[in-house]
Protein backbone atom coordinates (compact mmCIF):
# COMPACT_ATOMS: atom_id res chain seq x y z
CA MET A 1 -63.21 51.91 56.20
CA ALA A 2 -63.12 50.17 59.56
CA ILE A 3 -60.23 47.64 59.68
CA GLU A 4 -62.91 44.85 60.50
CA GLU A 5 -64.83 45.44 57.45
CA ILE A 6 -61.74 45.15 55.49
CA LEU A 7 -60.88 42.12 57.46
CA ALA A 8 -63.96 40.57 56.73
CA GLY A 9 -63.39 38.75 53.81
CA GLU A 10 -64.00 38.89 49.78
CA SER A 11 -67.58 39.96 48.62
CA LYS A 12 -69.73 41.31 46.40
CA ASN A 13 -68.12 44.49 47.45
CA VAL A 14 -64.78 43.96 48.34
CA GLU A 15 -61.68 42.51 46.50
CA TYR A 16 -58.16 41.47 48.03
CA LYS A 17 -54.94 41.70 45.73
CA GLU A 18 -51.64 40.77 47.58
CA ASN A 19 -49.69 43.05 45.52
CA LEU A 20 -50.15 45.63 42.55
CA PRO A 21 -49.78 43.45 39.24
CA GLU A 22 -47.52 43.98 36.84
CA LYS A 23 -50.14 44.00 33.88
CA SER A 24 -53.30 46.34 35.39
CA ILE A 25 -55.92 44.29 33.86
CA LYS A 26 -55.55 41.80 36.23
CA TYR A 27 -57.73 44.66 39.09
CA MET A 28 -59.36 46.42 35.58
CA LYS A 29 -61.59 44.06 35.41
CA SER A 30 -62.79 44.61 39.24
CA VAL A 31 -62.51 48.10 39.10
CA VAL A 32 -65.19 48.55 35.82
CA ALA A 33 -67.64 45.49 37.80
CA PHE A 34 -67.46 47.37 40.42
CA ALA A 35 -68.60 50.56 38.60
CA ASN A 36 -70.92 48.70 36.61
CA GLY A 37 -72.70 47.49 40.07
CA ASN A 38 -72.95 48.89 43.65
CA GLY A 39 -69.65 50.23 43.87
CA GLY A 40 -66.68 48.34 45.66
CA LYS A 41 -63.25 48.61 47.28
CA ILE A 42 -60.27 46.74 45.90
CA ILE A 43 -57.95 46.56 48.69
CA PHE A 44 -54.00 46.09 47.86
CA GLY A 45 -51.65 44.45 50.61
CA ILE A 46 -54.00 41.86 51.68
CA ALA A 47 -53.34 38.10 50.90
CA ASP A 48 -56.85 37.25 48.85
CA LYS A 49 -57.15 33.26 50.02
CA THR A 50 -55.57 33.50 53.56
CA ARG A 51 -56.75 37.71 54.16
CA GLU A 52 -52.85 37.78 55.40
CA VAL A 53 -52.01 41.21 55.73
CA VAL A 54 -48.75 41.80 53.78
CA GLY A 55 -48.89 45.71 53.38
CA PHE A 56 -46.20 47.94 51.29
CA ASP A 57 -43.16 49.50 51.86
CA ASN A 58 -43.44 53.06 52.64
CA GLU A 59 -40.96 54.15 50.16
CA ASP A 60 -42.94 53.06 47.60
CA VAL A 61 -46.48 52.63 48.80
CA PHE A 62 -47.04 56.53 46.86
CA LYS A 63 -45.79 55.48 43.42
CA LYS A 64 -48.52 52.24 43.82
CA MET A 65 -51.28 54.67 44.50
CA ASP A 66 -50.38 56.97 41.67
CA ALA A 67 -49.88 54.25 39.36
CA ILE A 68 -53.08 52.87 40.62
CA ALA A 69 -54.73 56.19 39.60
CA ASN A 70 -53.42 56.04 36.59
CA ALA A 71 -54.12 52.73 35.08
CA VAL A 72 -57.65 53.20 35.85
CA SER A 73 -58.11 56.42 34.14
CA ASP A 74 -55.99 55.11 30.97
CA SER A 75 -57.65 52.18 31.14
CA CYS A 76 -61.43 52.30 31.58
CA GLU A 77 -64.42 54.04 29.38
CA PRO A 78 -66.01 56.20 30.75
CA VAL A 79 -63.69 57.56 33.16
CA ILE A 80 -63.61 56.60 36.30
CA ILE A 81 -62.44 57.95 38.84
CA PRO A 82 -61.90 56.21 41.98
CA ASP A 83 -61.27 57.58 45.92
CA ILE A 84 -57.99 56.40 47.03
CA THR A 85 -56.48 56.18 50.55
CA LEU A 86 -54.20 54.33 52.43
CA GLN A 87 -54.81 52.31 55.94
CA THR A 88 -52.50 50.78 58.35
CA ILE A 89 -53.62 47.53 59.96
CA ASP A 90 -51.15 45.25 62.35
CA GLY A 91 -48.41 48.02 61.42
CA LYS A 92 -48.64 47.16 57.77
CA THR A 93 -49.74 49.66 55.37
CA VAL A 94 -52.62 48.71 52.71
CA ILE A 95 -53.69 50.81 49.89
CA VAL A 96 -57.97 51.09 49.63
CA VAL A 97 -59.16 51.73 46.09
CA GLU A 98 -63.09 52.82 46.48
CA ILE A 99 -65.08 52.65 43.06
CA SER A 100 -68.47 54.46 43.21
CA GLU A 101 -71.23 53.00 41.30
CA GLY A 102 -71.29 54.49 38.34
CA ARG A 103 -73.74 56.74 36.05
CA GLN A 104 -72.60 56.56 32.72
CA ARG A 105 -72.93 52.06 32.20
CA PRO A 106 -71.56 50.25 30.89
CA TYR A 107 -67.87 50.67 32.25
CA TYR A 108 -65.96 48.69 30.36
CA ILE A 109 -61.70 48.35 29.80
CA LYS A 110 -60.85 50.56 26.69
CA ALA A 111 -58.10 47.81 25.47
CA LEU A 112 -61.33 44.97 25.16
CA GLY A 113 -63.56 47.09 24.25
CA ARG A 114 -67.36 47.51 25.01
CA ASP A 115 -68.36 43.75 23.32
CA CYS A 116 -65.39 42.02 25.33
CA GLY A 117 -64.58 44.32 28.07
CA VAL A 118 -68.09 45.13 30.28
CA TYR A 119 -67.65 42.89 33.61
CA VAL A 120 -70.04 42.25 36.68
CA ARG A 121 -69.69 41.22 39.99
CA VAL A 122 -71.55 38.11 40.92
CA ALA A 123 -71.20 36.95 44.83
CA GLY A 124 -67.37 37.51 45.55
CA THR A 125 -66.13 36.80 41.50
CA THR A 126 -65.59 39.09 38.70
CA ARG A 127 -67.53 38.13 35.40
CA LEU A 128 -67.60 38.83 31.79
CA ALA A 129 -70.65 40.25 30.90
CA ASP A 130 -73.16 38.66 28.23
CA GLU A 131 -75.10 40.06 25.86
CA TYR A 132 -78.35 40.82 27.85
CA MET A 133 -76.34 42.24 30.78
CA ILE A 134 -74.62 44.63 28.75
CA LYS A 135 -77.94 45.58 27.13
CA GLU A 136 -79.92 46.10 30.27
CA LEU A 137 -76.33 48.52 31.52
CA LEU A 138 -76.91 50.39 28.50
CA PHE A 139 -80.40 50.67 29.63
CA GLU A 140 -79.81 51.89 33.29
CA GLY A 141 -76.78 54.33 31.98
CA SER A 142 -79.58 56.35 30.23
CA ASN A 143 -82.40 56.10 33.09
CA ARG A 144 -84.37 53.82 31.26
CA TYR A 145 -84.76 49.75 32.46
CA TYR A 146 -86.58 47.50 30.23
CA ASP A 147 -89.61 47.51 33.03
CA HIS A 148 -90.28 50.79 31.63
CA THR A 149 -90.12 50.40 28.09
CA LEU A 150 -93.07 50.24 25.59
CA CYS A 151 -94.16 46.78 24.00
CA PRO A 152 -95.16 47.65 20.27
CA GLY A 153 -98.24 45.82 19.45
CA LEU A 154 -99.43 44.73 22.79
CA ASN A 155 -102.90 45.19 23.43
CA ILE A 156 -103.89 45.95 26.70
CA THR A 157 -107.63 45.86 27.44
CA ASP A 158 -109.92 47.22 29.65
CA GLU A 159 -110.22 43.73 31.65
CA ASP A 160 -106.40 43.86 31.85
CA ILE A 161 -106.58 46.80 33.77
CA GLU A 162 -109.13 45.54 36.06
CA ALA A 163 -108.09 42.22 36.95
CA LEU A 164 -104.29 44.43 37.47
CA CYS A 165 -106.36 46.63 39.68
CA LYS A 166 -108.04 43.76 41.82
CA ALA A 167 -104.74 41.77 41.67
CA MET A 168 -102.43 44.18 43.15
CA LYS A 169 -105.59 45.19 45.84
CA GLU A 170 -105.23 41.15 46.73
CA GLN A 171 -102.05 41.10 47.10
CA ALA A 172 -101.87 44.03 49.47
CA VAL A 173 -104.54 42.44 51.40
CA LYS A 174 -102.26 39.01 51.67
CA ASN A 175 -99.05 41.49 52.87
CA ALA A 176 -100.85 43.49 55.56
CA HIS A 177 -99.67 42.58 58.95
CA ASN A 178 -102.91 42.91 60.89
CA GLU A 179 -106.78 43.61 60.51
CA GLU A 180 -106.44 47.60 60.84
CA GLN A 181 -104.00 47.78 57.36
CA LYS A 182 -106.41 45.31 55.98
CA ALA A 183 -108.99 47.69 56.60
CA SER A 184 -106.97 50.70 55.15
CA ILE A 185 -105.91 49.29 51.75
CA LYS A 186 -108.15 51.44 49.21
CA ASP A 187 -108.95 49.90 45.27
CA VAL A 188 -106.56 50.38 42.97
CA GLY A 189 -108.10 52.22 39.67
CA ARG A 190 -106.46 53.66 36.30
CA GLN A 191 -105.47 56.87 37.51
CA GLN A 192 -103.65 55.05 40.81
CA LEU A 193 -101.68 52.91 38.08
CA ARG A 194 -101.16 56.05 35.93
CA SER A 195 -99.83 58.08 38.83
CA TRP A 196 -96.81 54.85 39.39
CA GLU A 197 -96.25 55.05 35.39
CA PHE A 198 -97.63 51.71 34.96
């Protein structure tokens, strides 16, 4: 991770912690939030309000790395395996904990359970997931999405299909950048919709 990226400030994918808190739950919320999203990094040794690099003593930095690895392994369900590395900034050592985007969503804090322990990132903050978000994460974890879910009782007529095909072509024409692109746009038919899994 580049130093510039580390020092750019907190964001949806970066969080600072000045010290390693005694209670791991203070950063475990961010760990599960990153796993439930697009992944991210927690950088220990940087003050979150001032971005001052405080770092850690070389004598106990490896103990802190082990403590983080153990806390993540023991506290999260399904298991999250972080990538933990050291980075030197201005002669000070910081710990970078990288959490990859999870595939078995939703991830949650074991001690809080799935109903109260699922967190997500919203901009540069970590938030408790609501019931709707948990359902969406469950679908994603099973490689299903709401827009791929059947709607029982919904009747689609031939007219509905024709209207959809016409609307899609009209939108494609609007999105074309020039006359050549407009001329190359073909009609959308039932077979095309099936190939797109509509």
